Amino acid sequence: MMIFDVFGRLLGVKREGEEWQLFRVTLPERKYARSYDIVLPEALSEADIAGYLGDIYHEAATERYPDVFRLE
């Protein structure tokens, strides 16, 4: 599972077959809860996920958390 810091919020993304699945993540416990709020396009490449999450969650950006980046 890929883990992203999305403006201070931890989200995981995993590929299952042809579908991207989104998860809320709690570290360091490594707890994951499936999130059905956002659907990631099947054709989205792994390299484009951070940018897509940034576009979707851009309203959550703050001075303290201005970026989206991959942690793992």
Protein backbone atom coordinates (compact mmCIF):
# COMPACT_ATOMS: atom_id res chain seq x y z
CA MET A 1 0.00 0.00 0.00
CA MET A 2 1.21 3.49 -0.86
CA ILE A 3 0.81 6.01 1.96
CA PHE A 4 0.47 9.73 1.27
CA ASP A 5 0.49 12.79 3.49
CA VAL A 6 -2.36 14.81 1.98
CA PHE A 7 -2.26 18.24 3.62
CA GLY A 8 -1.61 16.63 7.02
CA ARG A 9 -4.07 13.77 6.56
CA LEU A 10 -2.73 10.25 5.99
CA LEU A 11 -4.29 8.33 3.11
CA GLY A 12 -3.41 4.95 1.68
CA VAL A 13 -3.93 3.84 -1.90
CA LYS A 14 -3.88 0.24 -3.06
CA ARG A 15 -4.56 -1.37 -6.43
CA GLU A 16 -7.05 -4.26 -6.41
CA GLY A 17 -7.40 -5.69 -9.90
CA GLU A 18 -8.38 -2.78 -12.14
CA GLU A 19 -9.50 -0.55 -9.25
CA TRP A 20 -7.66 1.89 -6.99
CA GLN A 21 -8.87 1.73 -3.38
CA LEU A 22 -8.52 4.61 -0.92
CA PHE A 23 -7.97 4.19 2.85
CA ARG A 24 -7.69 6.43 5.89
CA VAL A 25 -4.46 5.50 7.66
CA THR A 26 -3.35 5.67 11.28
CA LEU A 27 0.39 5.38 11.90
CA PRO A 28 2.33 3.90 13.66
CA GLU A 29 -0.42 1.38 14.47
CA ARG A 30 -0.85 0.70 10.74
CA LYS A 31 -4.62 0.74 10.98
CA TYR A 32 -6.49 1.21 7.72
CA ALA A 33 -10.15 2.02 7.11
CA ARG A 34 -11.55 1.95 3.59
CA SER A 35 -12.83 5.31 2.37
CA TYR A 36 -15.60 5.35 -0.22
CA ASP A 37 -15.88 9.16 -0.42
CA ILE A 38 -13.47 9.55 -3.34
CA VAL A 39 -13.19 7.32 -6.40
CA LEU A 40 -9.80 7.24 -8.08
CA PRO A 41 -9.96 6.73 -11.85
CA GLU A 42 -8.86 3.26 -12.97
CA ALA A 43 -6.59 4.75 -15.64
CA LEU A 44 -4.70 6.89 -13.10
CA SER A 45 -1.00 5.98 -13.04
CA GLU A 46 0.85 5.44 -9.79
CA ALA A 47 3.01 8.50 -10.55
CA ASP A 48 -0.10 10.72 -10.83
CA ILE A 49 -1.83 9.73 -7.58
CA ALA A 50 -0.27 12.45 -5.38
CA GLY A 51 -1.30 15.14 -7.86
CA TYR A 52 -4.82 13.76 -8.12
CA LEU A 53 -5.22 13.65 -4.34
CA GLY A 54 -3.93 17.23 -4.20
CA ASP A 55 -6.57 18.31 -6.70
CA ILE A 56 -9.36 16.57 -4.81
CA TYR A 57 -8.36 17.71 -1.30
CA HIS A 58 -6.89 21.15 -2.16
CA GLU A 59 -9.31 22.92 0.19
CA ALA A 60 -7.61 21.17 3.13
CA ALA A 61 -4.27 22.89 2.40
CA THR A 62 -2.98 25.16 5.17
CA GLU A 63 0.22 27.07 5.87
CA ARG A 64 1.27 24.22 8.15
CA TYR A 65 0.35 21.51 5.62
CA PRO A 66 0.76 23.00 2.13
CA ASP A 67 1.73 19.84 0.19
CA VAL A 68 0.84 16.30 -0.81
CA PHE A 69 3.68 13.80 -0.80
CA ARG A 70 4.25 10.08 -0.65
CA LEU A 71 5.54 8.70 2.67
CA GLU A 72 5.82 5.04 1.61
